[in-house]
Amino acid sequence: MLIFLNLDKNVKSGICGNVGFGEHLIRDEVDFAKHCDYIHYNPVKHGLCSIPQEWRFSSLHRLMVQGIYPPNWGVSEVLDMPGGIWDE
């Protein structure tokens, strides 16, 4: 699986093209899980909501119903992404 990550912290939303973005090949299930956590916690990190469950556009809601994420995931703690995933 190939995903694209914003590599340029100075790029503002609305800029066209792939400026500041790069590829990341998902290495294994652990890497996939870390990136899913990153994606689901990102609205909180950027101040768009106070807990991941408040972000109505998130796939987290579906994954909680399926039992993949617990209902209180990311509520009581700030997630620490190992391996510098926040900075990718």
PDB file of N, CA and C in Angstrom:
ATOM      1  N   MET A   1       0.842  -1.162   0.000  1.00  0.00           N
ATOM      2  CA  MET A   1       0.000   0.000   0.000  1.00  0.00           C
ATOM      3  C   MET A   1       0.894   1.235   0.000  1.00  0.00           C
ATOM      4  N   LEU A   2       0.552   2.201  -0.804  1.00  0.00           N
ATOM      5  CA  LEU A   2       1.322   3.428  -0.917  1.00  0.00           C
ATOM      6  C   LEU A   2       0.449   4.591  -0.463  1.00  0.00           C
ATOM      7  N   ILE A   3       0.962   5.413   0.451  1.00  0.00           N
ATOM      8  CA  ILE A   3       0.242   6.599   0.887  1.00  0.00           C
ATOM      9  C   ILE A   3       1.121   7.817   0.635  1.00  0.00           C
ATOM     10  N   PHE A   4       0.511   8.987   0.629  1.00  0.00           N
ATOM     11  CA  PHE A   4       1.232  10.233   0.437  1.00  0.00           C
ATOM     12  C   PHE A   4       1.148  11.057   1.703  1.00  0.00           C
ATOM     13  N   LEU A   5       2.264  11.590   2.145  1.00  0.00           N
ATOM     14  CA  LEU A   5       2.348  12.385   3.360  1.00  0.00           C
ATOM     15  C   LEU A   5       2.878  13.764   3.043  1.00  0.00           C
ATOM     16  N   ASN A   6       2.397  14.756   3.771  1.00  0.00           N
ATOM     17  CA  ASN A   6       2.888  16.116   3.628  1.00  0.00           C
ATOM     18  C   ASN A   6       4.243  16.209   4.306  1.00  0.00           C
ATOM     19  N   LEU A   7       5.272  16.489   3.537  1.00  0.00           N
ATOM     20  CA  LEU A   7       6.630  16.561   4.066  1.00  0.00           C
ATOM     21  C   LEU A   7       7.098  17.991   4.315  1.00  0.00           C
ATOM     22  N   ASP A   8       6.305  18.960   3.924  1.00  0.00           N
ATOM     23  CA  ASP A   8       6.694  20.360   4.053  1.00  0.00           C
ATOM     24  C   ASP A   8       5.749  21.039   5.032  1.00  0.00           C
ATOM     25  N   LYS A   9       6.228  21.344   6.236  1.00  0.00           N
ATOM     26  CA  LYS A   9       5.386  21.936   7.268  1.00  0.00           C
ATOM     27  C   LYS A   9       4.958  23.365   6.917  1.00  0.00           C
ATOM     28  N   ASN A  10       5.586  23.982   5.912  1.00  0.00           N
ATOM     29  CA  ASN A  10       5.249  25.350   5.543  1.00  0.00           C
ATOM     30  C   ASN A  10       4.187  25.425   4.449  1.00  0.00           C
ATOM     31  N   VAL A  11       3.802  24.277   3.901  1.00  0.00           N
ATOM     32  CA  VAL A  11       2.799  24.266   2.838  1.00  0.00           C
ATOM     33  C   VAL A  11       1.426  24.473   3.467  1.00  0.00           C
ATOM     34  N   LYS A  12       0.672  25.417   2.969  1.00  0.00           N
ATOM     35  CA  LYS A  12      -0.676  25.687   3.455  1.00  0.00           C
ATOM     36  C   LYS A  12      -1.678  24.953   2.591  1.00  0.00           C
ATOM     37  N   SER A  13      -2.818  24.604   3.163  1.00  0.00           N
ATOM     38  CA  SER A  13      -3.841  23.912   2.386  1.00  0.00           C
ATOM     39  C   SER A  13      -4.331  24.823   1.269  1.00  0.00           C
ATOM     40  N   GLY A  14      -4.720  24.221   0.167  1.00  0.00           N
ATOM     41  CA  GLY A  14      -5.207  24.965  -0.971  1.00  0.00           C
ATOM     42  C   GLY A  14      -4.177  25.120  -2.066  1.00  0.00           C
ATOM     43  N   ILE A  15      -2.928  24.760  -1.801  1.00  0.00           N
ATOM     44  CA  ILE A  15      -1.902  24.835  -2.831  1.00  0.00           C
ATOM     45  C   ILE A  15      -2.031  23.608  -3.722  1.00  0.00           C
ATOM     46  N   CYS A  16      -2.041  23.824  -5.021  1.00  0.00           N
ATOM     47  CA  CYS A  16      -2.208  22.727  -5.962  1.00  0.00           C
ATOM     48  C   CYS A  16      -0.894  21.994  -6.182  1.00  0.00           C
ATOM     49  N   GLY A  17      -1.009  20.762  -6.617  1.00  0.00           N
ATOM     50  CA  GLY A  17       0.175  19.979  -6.953  1.00  0.00           C
ATOM     51  C   GLY A  17       0.688  19.194  -5.770  1.00  0.00           C
ATOM     52  N   ASN A  18       1.779  18.518  -5.972  1.00  0.00           N
ATOM     53  CA  ASN A  18       2.359  17.678  -4.937  1.00  0.00           C
ATOM     54  C   ASN A  18       3.540  18.334  -4.246  1.00  0.00           C
ATOM     55  N   VAL A  19       3.574  19.644  -4.219  1.00  0.00           N
ATOM     56  CA  VAL A  19       4.652  20.347  -3.539  1.00  0.00           C
ATOM     57  C   VAL A  19       4.636  19.971  -2.066  1.00  0.00           C
ATOM     58  N   GLY A  20       5.773  19.491  -1.568  1.00  0.00           N
ATOM     59  CA  GLY A  20       5.865  19.158  -0.158  1.00  0.00           C
ATOM     60  C   GLY A  20       5.305  17.804   0.217  1.00  0.00           C
ATOM     61  N   PHE A  21       4.920  17.004  -0.744  1.00  0.00           N
ATOM     62  CA  PHE A  21       4.384  15.688  -0.437  1.00  0.00           C
ATOM     63  C   PHE A  21       5.333  14.619  -0.938  1.00  0.00           C
ATOM     64  N   GLY A  22       5.337  13.495  -0.281  1.00  0.00           N
ATOM     65  CA  GLY A  22       6.192  12.397  -0.684  1.00  0.00           C
ATOM     66  C   GLY A  22       5.490  11.072  -0.479  1.00  0.00           C
ATOM     67  N   GLU A  23       6.065  10.037  -1.023  1.00  0.00           N
ATOM     68  CA  GLU A  23       5.501   8.708  -0.921  1.00  0.00           C
ATOM     69  C   GLU A  23       6.005   8.014   0.337  1.00  0.00           C
ATOM     70  N   HIS A  24       5.196   7.121   0.852  1.00  0.00           N
ATOM     71  CA  HIS A  24       5.619   6.253   1.939  1.00  0.00           C
ATOM     72  C   HIS A  24       5.010   4.884   1.673  1.00  0.00           C
ATOM     73  N   LEU A  25       5.831   3.885   1.554  1.00  0.00           N
ATOM     74  CA  LEU A  25       5.365   2.528   1.363  1.00  0.00           C
ATOM     75  C   LEU A  25       5.102   1.909   2.732  1.00  0.00           C
ATOM     76  N   ILE A  26       3.866   1.439   2.944  1.00  0.00           N
ATOM     77  CA  ILE A  26       3.524   0.782   4.199  1.00  0.00           C
ATOM     78  C   ILE A  26       4.310  -0.526   4.268  1.00  0.00           C
ATOM     79  N   ARG A  27       5.102  -0.677   5.328  1.00  0.00           N
ATOM     80  CA  ARG A  27       6.023  -1.813   5.431  1.00  0.00           C
ATOM     81  C   ARG A  27       5.378  -3.082   5.962  1.00  0.00           C
ATOM     82  N   ASP A  28       4.481  -2.950   6.939  1.00  0.00           N
ATOM     83  CA  ASP A  28       3.883  -4.127   7.563  1.00  0.00           C
ATOM     84  C   ASP A  28       2.621  -3.695   8.308  1.00  0.00           C
ATOM     85  N   GLU A  29       2.000  -4.631   9.023  1.00  0.00           N
ATOM     86  CA  GLU A  29       0.761  -4.325   9.734  1.00  0.00           C
ATOM     87  C   GLU A  29       0.966  -3.313  10.853  1.00  0.00           C
ATOM     88  N   VAL A  30       2.113  -3.359  11.509  1.00  0.00           N
ATOM     89  CA  VAL A  30       2.402  -2.399  12.575  1.00  0.00           C
ATOM     90  C   VAL A  30       2.517  -0.991  11.996  1.00  0.00           C
ATOM     91  N   ASP A  31       3.207  -0.847  10.877  1.00  0.00           N
ATOM     92  CA  ASP A  31       3.342   0.446  10.212  1.00  0.00           C
ATOM     93  C   ASP A  31       1.974   0.953   9.750  1.00  0.00           C
ATOM     94  N   PHE A  32       1.153   0.051   9.226  1.00  0.00           N
ATOM     95  CA  PHE A  32      -0.203   0.417   8.802  1.00  0.00           C
ATOM     96  C   PHE A  32      -1.011   0.934   9.997  1.00  0.00           C
ATOM     97  N   ALA A  33      -0.938   0.233  11.130  1.00  0.00           N
ATOM     98  CA  ALA A  33      -1.673   0.643  12.327  1.00  0.00           C
ATOM     99  C   ALA A  33      -1.215   2.014  12.818  1.00  0.00           C
ATOM    100  N   LYS A  34       0.103   2.258  12.789  1.00  0.00           N
ATOM    101  CA  LYS A  34       0.632   3.562  13.210  1.00  0.00           C
ATOM    102  C   LYS A  34       0.104   4.681  12.323  1.00  0.00           C
ATOM    103  N   HIS A  35       0.031   4.435  11.022  1.00  0.00           N
ATOM    104  CA  HIS A  35      -0.460   5.464  10.111  1.00  0.00           C
ATOM    105  C   HIS A  35      -1.958   5.675  10.265  1.00  0.00           C
ATOM    106  N   CYS A  36      -2.696   4.614  10.555  1.00  0.00           N
ATOM    107  CA  CYS A  36      -4.128   4.772  10.843  1.00  0.00           C
ATOM    108  C   CYS A  36      -4.324   5.627  12.086  1.00  0.00           C
ATOM    109  N   ASP A  37      -3.544   5.359  13.130  1.00  0.00           N
ATOM    110  CA  ASP A  37      -3.625   6.175  14.342  1.00  0.00           C
ATOM    111  C   ASP A  37      -3.302   7.628  14.033  1.00  0.00           C
ATOM    112  N   TYR A  38      -2.254   7.846  13.250  1.00  0.00           N
ATOM    113  CA  TYR A  38      -1.856   9.204  12.854  1.00  0.00           C
ATOM    114  C   TYR A  38      -3.011   9.920  12.149  1.00  0.00           C
ATOM    115  N   ILE A  39      -3.621   9.247  11.198  1.00  0.00           N
ATOM    116  CA  ILE A  39      -4.720   9.838  10.422  1.00  0.00           C
ATOM    117  C   ILE A  39      -5.899  10.167  11.328  1.00  0.00           C
ATOM    118  N   HIS A  40      -6.234   9.263  12.237  1.00  0.00           N
ATOM    119  CA  HIS A  40      -7.402   9.476  13.092  1.00  0.00           C
ATOM    120  C   HIS A  40      -7.162  10.525  14.170  1.00  0.00           C
ATOM    121  N   TYR A  41      -5.920  10.723  14.587  1.00  0.00           N
ATOM    122  CA  TYR A  41      -5.632  11.706  15.626  1.00  0.00           C
ATOM    123  C   TYR A  41      -5.254  13.080  15.053  1.00  0.00           C
ATOM    124  N   ASN A  42      -5.011  13.152  13.771  1.00  0.00           N
ATOM    125  CA  ASN A  42      -4.550  14.387  13.142  1.00  0.00           C
ATOM    126  C   ASN A  42      -5.493  15.584  13.346  1.00  0.00           C
ATOM    127  N   PRO A  43      -6.825  15.432  13.264  1.00  0.00           N
ATOM    128  CA  PRO A  43      -7.698  16.591  13.518  1.00  0.00           C
ATOM    129  C   PRO A  43      -7.533  17.166  14.920  1.00  0.00           C
ATOM    130  N   VAL A  44      -7.252  16.310  15.899  1.00  0.00           N
ATOM    131  CA  VAL A  44      -7.008  16.777  17.268  1.00  0.00           C
ATOM    132  C   VAL A  44      -5.682  17.525  17.318  1.00  0.00           C
ATOM    133  N   LYS A  45      -4.666  16.943  16.725  1.00  0.00           N
ATOM    134  CA  LYS A  45      -3.331  17.552  16.716  1.00  0.00           C
ATOM    135  C   LYS A  45      -3.359  18.963  16.124  1.00  0.00           C
ATOM    136  N   HIS A  46      -4.201  19.174  15.130  1.00  0.00           N
ATOM    137  CA  HIS A  46      -4.265  20.470  14.458  1.00  0.00           C
ATOM    138  C   HIS A  46      -5.377  21.376  14.978  1.00  0.00           C
ATOM    139  N   GLY A  47      -5.984  20.993  16.107  1.00  0.00           N
ATOM    140  CA  GLY A  47      -6.956  21.854  16.770  1.00  0.00           C
ATOM    141  C   GLY A  47      -8.325  21.923  16.108  1.00  0.00           C
ATOM    142  N   LEU A  48      -8.659  20.985  15.256  1.00  0.00           N
ATOM    143  CA  LEU A  48      -9.959  20.985  14.590  1.00  0.00           C
ATOM    144  C   LEU A  48     -11.054  20.382  15.464  1.00  0.00           C
ATOM    145  N   CYS A  49     -10.657  19.623  16.476  1.00  0.00           N
ATOM    146  CA  CYS A  49     -11.579  19.047  17.441  1.00  0.00           C
ATOM    147  C   CYS A  49     -10.776  18.711  18.697  1.00  0.00           C
ATOM    148  N   SER A  50     -11.470  18.407  19.786  1.00  0.00           N
ATOM    149  CA  SER A  50     -10.743  18.129  21.028  1.00  0.00           C
ATOM    150  C   SER A  50     -10.496  16.641  21.246  1.00  0.00           C
ATOM    151  N   ILE A  51     -11.313  15.783  20.647  1.00  0.00           N
ATOM    152  CA  ILE A  51     -11.095  14.338  20.688  1.00  0.00           C
ATOM    153  C   ILE A  51     -11.381  13.785  19.292  1.00  0.00           C
ATOM    154  N   PRO A  52     -10.765  12.664  18.924  1.00  0.00           N
ATOM    155  CA  PRO A  52     -10.948  12.129  17.567  1.00  0.00           C
ATOM    156  C   PRO A  52     -12.409  11.838  17.214  1.00  0.00           C
ATOM    157  N   GLN A  53     -13.207  11.453  18.199  1.00  0.00           N
ATOM    158  CA  GLN A  53     -14.601  11.102  17.933  1.00  0.00           C
ATOM    159  C   GLN A  53     -15.450  12.300  17.515  1.00  0.00           C
ATOM    160  N   GLU A  54     -14.992  13.504  17.743  1.00  0.00           N
ATOM    161  CA  GLU A  54     -15.728  14.713  17.333  1.00  0.00           C
ATOM    162  C   GLU A  54     -15.577  15.011  15.843  1.00  0.00           C
ATOM    163  N   TRP A  55     -14.586  14.448  15.186  1.00  0.00           N
ATOM    164  CA  TRP A  55     -14.343  14.731  13.768  1.00  0.00           C
ATOM    165  C   TRP A  55     -15.278  13.866  12.938  1.00  0.00           C
ATOM    166  N   ARG A  56     -16.354  14.480  12.444  1.00  0.00           N
ATOM    167  CA  ARG A  56     -17.418  13.706  11.798  1.00  0.00           C
ATOM    168  C   ARG A  56     -17.007  13.079  10.473  1.00  0.00           C
ATOM    169  N   PHE A  57     -15.927  13.538   9.873  1.00  0.00           N
ATOM    170  CA  PHE A  57     -15.486  13.006   8.582  1.00  0.00           C
ATOM    171  C   PHE A  57     -14.571  11.794   8.727  1.00  0.00           C
ATOM    172  N   SER A  58     -14.292  11.388   9.951  1.00  0.00           N
ATOM    173  CA  SER A  58     -13.308  10.342  10.217  1.00  0.00           C
ATOM    174  C   SER A  58     -13.863   8.938   9.969  1.00  0.00           C
ATOM    175  N   SER A  59     -13.001   8.074   9.474  1.00  0.00           N
ATOM    176  CA  SER A  59     -13.346   6.655   9.357  1.00  0.00           C
ATOM    177  C   SER A  59     -13.294   5.980  10.723  1.00  0.00           C
ATOM    178  N   LEU A  60     -12.823   6.688  11.741  1.00  0.00           N
ATOM    179  CA  LEU A  60     -12.739   6.142  13.086  1.00  0.00           C
ATOM    180  C   LEU A  60     -14.101   5.643  13.569  1.00  0.00           C
ATOM    181  N   HIS A  61     -15.174   6.332  13.226  1.00  0.00           N
ATOM    182  CA  HIS A  61     -16.516   5.947  13.671  1.00  0.00           C
ATOM    183  C   HIS A  61     -16.865   4.541  13.183  1.00  0.00           C
ATOM    184  N   ARG A  62     -16.614   4.276  11.928  1.00  0.00           N
ATOM    185  CA  ARG A  62     -16.893   2.959  11.342  1.00  0.00           C
ATOM    186  C   ARG A  62     -16.012   1.892  11.989  1.00  0.00           C
ATOM    187  N   LEU A  63     -14.747   2.223  12.214  1.00  0.00           N
ATOM    188  CA  LEU A  63     -13.813   1.259  12.799  1.00  0.00           C
ATOM    189  C   LEU A  63     -14.139   0.970  14.259  1.00  0.00           C
ATOM    190  N   MET A  64     -14.727   1.929  14.971  1.00  0.00           N
ATOM    191  CA  MET A  64     -15.167   1.677  16.341  1.00  0.00           C
ATOM    192  C   MET A  64     -16.378   0.744  16.345  1.00  0.00           C
ATOM    193  N   VAL A  65     -17.309   0.947  15.432  1.00  0.00           N
ATOM    194  CA  VAL A  65     -18.475   0.066  15.320  1.00  0.00           C
ATOM    195  C   VAL A  65     -18.038  -1.362  15.005  1.00  0.00           C
ATOM    196  N   GLN A  66     -17.010  -1.502  14.187  1.00  0.00           N
ATOM    197  CA  GLN A  66     -16.495  -2.817  13.813  1.00  0.00           C
ATOM    198  C   GLN A  66     -15.633  -3.441  14.914  1.00  0.00           C
ATOM    199  N   GLY A  67     -15.347  -2.696  15.968  1.00  0.00           N
ATOM    200  CA  GLY A  67     -14.552  -3.214  17.073  1.00  0.00           C
ATOM    201  C   GLY A  67     -13.048  -3.163  16.845  1.00  0.00           C
ATOM    202  N   ILE A  68     -12.623  -2.466  15.802  1.00  0.00           N
ATOM    203  CA  ILE A  68     -11.191  -2.353  15.506  1.00  0.00           C
ATOM    204  C   ILE A  68     -10.528  -1.348  16.440  1.00  0.00           C
ATOM    205  N   TYR A  69     -11.229  -0.257  16.751  1.00  0.00           N
ATOM    206  CA  TYR A  69     -10.773   0.736  17.726  1.00  0.00           C
ATOM    207  C   TYR A  69     -11.758   0.725  18.896  1.00  0.00           C
ATOM    208  N   PRO A  70     -11.269   0.877  20.130  1.00  0.00           N
ATOM    209  CA  PRO A  70     -12.186   0.976  21.265  1.00  0.00           C
ATOM    210  C   PRO A  70     -12.917   2.323  21.247  1.00  0.00           C
ATOM    211  N   PRO A  71     -14.114   2.389  21.833  1.00  0.00           N
ATOM    212  CA  PRO A  71     -14.906   3.635  21.808  1.00  0.00           C
ATOM    213  C   PRO A  71     -14.204   4.839  22.414  1.00  0.00           C
ATOM    214  N   ASN A  72     -13.297   4.627  23.366  1.00  0.00           N
ATOM    215  CA  ASN A  72     -12.622   5.749  24.032  1.00  0.00           C
ATOM    216  C   ASN A  72     -11.218   6.002  23.492  1.00  0.00           C
ATOM    217  N   TRP A  73     -10.914   5.500  22.295  1.00  0.00           N
ATOM    218  CA  TRP A  73      -9.574   5.641  21.732  1.00  0.00           C
ATOM    219  C   TRP A  73      -9.190   7.110  21.584  1.00  0.00           C
ATOM    220  N   GLY A  74      -8.045   7.490  22.107  1.00  0.00           N
ATOM    221  CA  GLY A  74      -7.515   8.841  21.950  1.00  0.00           C
ATOM    222  C   GLY A  74      -8.200   9.901  22.781  1.00  0.00           C
ATOM    223  N   VAL A  75      -9.095   9.504  23.696  1.00  0.00           N
ATOM    224  CA  VAL A  75      -9.858  10.480  24.475  1.00  0.00           C
ATOM    225  C   VAL A  75      -9.079  10.994  25.675  1.00  0.00           C
ATOM    226  N   SER A  76      -8.491  10.100  26.439  1.00  0.00           N
ATOM    227  CA  SER A  76      -7.896  10.511  27.712  1.00  0.00           C
ATOM    228  C   SER A  76      -6.386  10.740  27.653  1.00  0.00           C
ATOM    229  N   GLU A  77      -5.775  10.493  26.507  1.00  0.00           N
ATOM    230  CA  GLU A  77      -4.327  10.693  26.420  1.00  0.00           C
ATOM    231  C   GLU A  77      -3.952  11.295  25.076  1.00  0.00           C
ATOM    232  N   VAL A  78      -2.845  12.000  25.083  1.00  0.00           N
ATOM    233  CA  VAL A  78      -2.277  12.499  23.836  1.00  0.00           C
ATOM    234  C   VAL A  78      -1.440  11.363  23.270  1.00  0.00           C
ATOM    235  N   LEU A  79      -1.698  11.003  22.036  1.00  0.00           N
ATOM    236  CA  LEU A  79      -0.992   9.874  21.451  1.00  0.00           C
ATOM    237  C   LEU A  79       0.445  10.240  21.127  1.00  0.00           C
ATOM    238  N   ASP A  80       1.323   9.326  21.412  1.00  0.00           N
ATOM    239  CA  ASP A  80       2.734   9.473  21.101  1.00  0.00           C
ATOM    240  C   ASP A  80       3.051   8.529  19.953  1.00  0.00           C
ATOM    241  N   MET A  81       3.332   9.080  18.799  1.00  0.00           N
ATOM    242  CA  MET A  81       3.620   8.250  17.628  1.00  0.00           C
ATOM    243  C   MET A  81       5.096   7.891  17.613  1.00  0.00           C
ATOM    244  N   PRO A  82       5.419   6.625  17.812  1.00  0.00           N
ATOM    245  CA  PRO A  82       6.827   6.215  17.796  1.00  0.00           C
ATOM    246  C   PRO A  82       7.422   6.321  16.402  1.00  0.00           C
ATOM    247  N   GLY A  83       8.712   6.449  16.343  1.00  0.00           N
ATOM    248  CA  GLY A  83       9.406   6.462  15.074  1.00  0.00           C
ATOM    249  C   GLY A  83       9.240   7.737  14.267  1.00  0.00           C
ATOM    250  N   GLY A  84       8.809   8.831  14.902  1.00  0.00           N
ATOM    251  CA  GLY A  84       8.711  10.108  14.220  1.00  0.00           C
ATOM    252  C   GLY A  84       7.620  10.195  13.173  1.00  0.00           C
ATOM    253  N   ILE A  85       6.551   9.408  13.321  1.00  0.00           N
ATOM    254  CA  ILE A  85       5.494   9.435  12.315  1.00  0.00           C
ATOM    255  C   ILE A  85       4.842  10.817  12.210  1.00  0.00           C
ATOM    256  N   TRP A  86       4.807  11.571  13.309  1.00  0.00           N
ATOM    257  CA  TRP A  86       4.235  12.920  13.251  1.00  0.00           C
ATOM    258  C   TRP A  86       5.024  13.808  12.291  1.00  0.00           C
ATOM    259  N   ASP A  87       6.296  13.493  12.103  1.00  0.00           N
ATOM    260  CA  ASP A  87       7.163  14.353  11.309  1.00  0.00           C
ATOM    261  C   ASP A  87       7.334  13.888   9.878  1.00  0.00           C
ATOM    262  N   GLU A  88       6.684  12.784   9.493  1.00  0.00           N
ATOM    263  CA  GLU A  88       6.856  12.285   8.124  1.00  0.00           C
ATOM    264  C   GLU A  88       6.157  13.188   7.139  1.00  0.00           C
TER     265      GLU A  88
END
